[in-house]
Protein backbone atom coordinates (compact mmCIF):
# COMPACT_ATOMS: atom_id res chain seq x y z
CA MET A 1 64.42 94.62 124.14
CA GLU A 2 63.85 95.85 120.61
CA THR A 3 61.18 94.59 118.23
CA SER A 4 61.23 95.03 114.46
CA ILE A 5 57.45 94.79 114.08
CA SER A 6 55.66 98.08 113.53
CA GLN A 7 53.34 99.50 116.15
CA GLU A 8 50.23 99.05 114.06
CA LYS A 9 51.17 95.50 113.14
CA LEU A 10 51.75 94.74 116.81
CA VAL A 11 48.28 96.11 117.64
CA GLU A 12 46.78 94.02 114.84
CA GLU A 13 48.44 90.78 115.94
CA ILE A 14 47.58 91.20 119.64
CA ALA A 15 44.00 92.24 118.84
CA LYS A 16 43.57 89.10 116.73
CA ARG A 17 44.53 86.94 119.71
CA VAL A 18 42.34 88.90 122.12
CA ARG A 19 39.43 88.27 119.78
CA GLU A 20 40.19 84.55 119.87
CA ILE A 21 40.27 84.60 123.69
CA LEU A 22 36.87 86.31 123.81
CA GLU A 23 35.45 83.62 121.53
CA LEU A 24 36.96 80.86 123.68
CA LEU A 25 35.36 82.42 126.75
CA GLY A 26 31.96 82.19 125.06
CA GLU A 27 31.59 85.83 124.05
CA ASP A 28 30.67 87.27 120.67
CA PRO A 29 33.43 89.74 119.71
CA ASN A 30 31.18 91.07 116.94
CA ARG A 31 28.53 92.42 119.29
CA GLU A 32 28.39 96.19 119.63
CA GLY A 33 30.03 96.50 123.04
CA LEU A 34 33.00 94.32 122.08
CA ARG A 35 33.74 95.30 118.48
CA GLU A 36 36.59 97.64 119.41
CA THR A 37 37.66 95.82 122.57
CA PRO A 38 40.43 93.67 121.03
CA GLU A 39 42.20 96.75 119.67
CA ARG A 40 41.71 98.65 122.93
CA VAL A 41 43.18 95.76 124.91
CA ALA A 42 46.09 95.52 122.48
CA ARG A 43 46.95 99.20 122.82
CA ALA A 44 46.62 99.02 126.61
CA LEU A 45 48.95 96.02 126.81
CA ILE A 46 51.51 97.72 124.58
CA GLU A 47 51.44 100.81 126.79
CA MET A 48 51.68 98.80 130.02
CA THR A 49 54.67 96.81 128.74
CA SER A 50 56.58 99.65 127.06
CA GLY A 51 59.59 99.00 129.30
CA LEU A 52 60.24 95.77 127.39
CA ARG A 53 60.88 97.65 124.15
CA SER A 54 62.75 100.77 125.24
CA PRO A 55 66.15 101.51 126.78
CA PRO A 56 66.32 102.40 130.49
CA PRO A 57 66.28 106.14 131.23
CA LYS A 58 69.55 107.73 132.24
CA ILE A 59 69.72 109.44 135.60
CA LYS A 60 70.68 113.10 135.33
CA VAL A 61 73.32 114.06 137.87
CA PHE A 62 73.39 117.30 139.88
CA ASN A 63 75.72 118.61 142.53
CA ALA A 64 73.93 118.86 145.88
CA LYS A 65 75.87 122.03 146.71
CA ASP A 66 73.95 123.81 143.95
CA ILE A 67 70.53 122.67 145.18
CA ASP A 68 68.64 124.52 147.90
CA GLU A 69 65.46 122.44 147.90
CA GLY A 70 64.76 118.78 148.57
CA ILE A 71 63.67 116.34 151.21
CA THR A 72 66.82 115.65 153.19
CA GLU A 73 67.83 114.65 156.66
CA TYR A 74 71.21 114.11 158.25
CA GLU A 75 72.54 111.52 160.63
CA ASN A 76 76.19 110.78 161.39
CA GLY A 77 77.19 113.09 158.55
CA ASP A 78 75.29 111.19 155.84
CA GLN A 79 72.79 113.00 153.63
CA VAL A 80 69.63 111.00 153.02
CA ILE A 81 67.46 111.95 150.04
CA LEU A 82 63.90 110.63 150.11
CA ILE A 83 61.44 110.62 147.21
CA ARG A 84 58.15 109.37 148.56
CA ASP A 85 54.71 108.44 147.24
CA ILE A 86 55.68 107.66 143.64
CA GLN A 87 52.54 106.11 142.22
CA PHE A 88 53.06 103.06 140.04
CA SER A 89 51.06 100.48 138.13
CA SER A 90 52.34 97.22 136.74
CA LEU A 91 51.18 93.81 135.51
CA CYS A 92 51.45 90.74 137.71
CA GLU A 93 53.41 88.27 135.60
CA HIS A 94 51.42 85.34 137.00
CA HIS A 95 47.97 86.45 135.85
CA LEU A 96 48.59 89.59 133.76
CA LEU A 97 46.34 91.51 136.13
CA PRO A 98 47.35 94.95 137.41
CA PHE A 99 48.96 95.70 140.72
CA ILE A 100 49.10 99.31 141.81
CA GLY A 101 50.46 101.34 144.70
CA ARG A 102 53.24 103.62 145.81
CA ILE A 103 57.00 103.40 145.93
CA HIS A 104 59.36 105.34 148.20
CA VAL A 105 63.00 105.74 147.20
CA ALA A 106 65.76 106.80 149.60
CA TYR A 107 69.46 107.03 148.94
CA VAL A 108 72.55 108.29 150.71
CA ALA A 109 74.52 110.79 148.67
CA ASN A 110 78.19 110.06 148.13
CA ASP A 111 80.90 112.30 149.52
CA ASP A 112 81.22 114.12 146.18
CA GLY A 113 77.67 115.45 146.62
CA LYS A 114 76.13 113.99 143.45
CA VAL A 115 72.34 113.66 143.50
CA ALA A 116 69.78 112.47 140.97
CA GLY A 117 67.28 114.58 139.10
CA PHE A 118 63.92 114.26 140.86
CA SER A 119 61.93 113.36 137.76
CA LYS A 120 64.50 110.77 136.69
CA ILE A 121 63.83 108.68 139.78
CA ILE A 122 60.15 108.68 138.86
CA ARG A 123 61.06 107.64 135.30
CA ILE A 124 63.12 104.75 136.66
CA VAL A 125 60.10 103.55 138.67
CA ASN A 126 57.84 103.86 135.62
CA TYR A 127 60.33 102.07 133.38
CA TYR A 128 60.66 98.96 135.51
CA SER A 129 56.92 98.96 136.25
CA ALA A 130 56.07 98.87 132.54
CA ARG A 131 56.42 95.09 132.05
CA PRO A 132 55.12 91.85 133.54
CA GLN A 133 56.49 91.99 137.07
CA ILE A 134 56.47 90.81 140.63
CA GLN A 135 56.71 93.51 143.26
CA GLU A 136 59.76 91.99 144.93
CA ARG A 137 61.73 92.16 141.69
CA LEU A 138 60.42 95.63 140.90
CA VAL A 139 61.88 97.21 144.04
CA SER A 140 65.16 95.33 143.52
CA GLN A 141 65.52 96.52 139.93
CA ILE A 142 64.86 100.12 140.95
CA ALA A 143 67.41 99.86 143.76
CA ASP A 144 70.05 98.35 141.44
CA ALA A 145 69.46 100.97 138.75
CA ILE A 146 70.03 103.82 141.20
CA MET A 147 72.90 102.11 143.00
CA ASN A 148 74.73 101.51 139.69
CA SER A 149 74.01 104.96 138.25
CA GLU A 150 76.43 107.86 137.84
CA ILE A 151 75.44 109.39 141.18
CA LYS A 152 77.24 106.46 142.85
CA PRO A 153 75.30 106.63 146.13
CA LYS A 154 76.57 105.05 149.32
CA GLY A 155 73.33 103.15 149.59
CA VAL A 156 69.77 102.84 148.29
CA MET A 157 66.51 101.77 149.92
CA VAL A 158 63.31 101.17 147.94
CA ILE A 159 59.96 100.45 149.59
CA GLY A 160 56.99 99.23 147.57
CA ASN A 161 53.40 99.08 148.83
CA GLY A 162 50.88 97.58 146.45
CA ILE A 163 47.38 96.18 146.00
CA HIS A 164 47.33 93.17 143.67
CA MET A 165 44.26 92.58 141.54
CA CYS A 166 45.08 88.85 141.31
CA ALA A 167 44.22 88.64 145.02
CA TYR A 168 41.57 91.37 144.92
CA VAL A 169 39.27 90.03 142.17
CA ARG A 170 40.09 86.31 141.99
CA GLY A 171 41.23 83.48 144.23
CA VAL A 172 41.00 84.62 147.86
CA LYS A 173 39.35 87.91 146.80
CA ASP A 174 40.92 89.81 149.67
CA LYS A 175 40.24 93.52 149.27
CA GLU A 176 42.29 94.65 152.27
CA ALA A 177 45.63 92.86 151.95
CA LYS A 178 48.60 94.89 150.68
CA LEU A 179 52.08 93.71 149.85
CA VAL A 180 55.03 95.68 151.24
CA SER A 181 58.46 94.90 149.81
CA VAL A 182 61.80 96.47 150.68
CA ALA A 183 65.13 96.38 148.83
CA THR A 184 68.32 97.71 150.42
CA ARG A 185 71.74 98.27 148.92
CA GLY A 186 75.06 99.59 150.23
CA VAL A 187 75.02 101.22 153.66
CA PHE A 188 71.33 100.47 154.12
CA LYS A 189 72.17 96.77 154.34
CA THR A 190 74.45 97.30 157.33
CA ASN A 191 73.30 100.52 158.99
CA ARG A 192 70.02 99.92 160.79
CA ALA A 193 69.97 103.52 162.00
CA LEU A 194 69.69 104.78 158.42
CA VAL A 195 66.86 102.33 157.69
CA ASN A 196 65.02 103.52 160.80
CA GLN A 197 65.65 107.11 159.77
CA VAL A 198 63.87 106.56 156.45
CA PHE A 199 60.88 105.02 158.20
CA ARG A 200 60.81 107.94 160.65
CA LEU A 201 60.84 110.39 157.75
CA LEU A 202 57.93 108.57 156.14
CA ASP A 203 56.01 108.57 159.41
CA THR A 204 56.65 112.20 160.33
CA THR A 205 56.32 113.82 156.90
CA HIS A 206 53.28 111.87 155.78
CA GLU A 207 51.59 109.64 158.31
CA ARG A 208 49.79 107.70 155.63
CA SER A 209 52.66 107.37 153.17
CA LEU A 210 52.79 103.60 153.63
CA ARG A 211 49.07 103.25 153.01
CA LEU A 212 47.17 103.50 149.73
């Protein structure tokens, strides 16, 4: 989504409203420790929601036959590519508090051998994280973006594991609970063996990959 307002004007307008919120909460935004806070908050919010104002990154396509390195396993002739432990941070859309964690992305390469550039998968995760979100939608959007990309995989599986500050610092104040969400597309929806294979890879290559 594009916006015609300039960056500095956006900072100014958000900072003005943050100042008003501080006053409503009973704080003095003119005191020394808070004088620059409204602008800092504004710039932080703009950075954390950059995905709302930029186009999605394109996934660069490579031919697997030309690649010698990568995390791959085979079962029944299918090549599974796993990118694990992608760190992410996002904003819970219910409270605008952060939720943070790791995302694992697996996909089955198509018969033509097309695979995605490693860094592009990370950019996809960062792009959909950079907006008010819920974790369940986040993993679904990542899965759809890869499934509909030019690599045309047979299937995609995205696993998210996050700590949510809305539960950590307010409400139930549970500091141990984590949310795990899984999105599957294509062959992962029907082939349980492939799903189990991904979990085995996560367990055997990094025994704590599903923990923060």
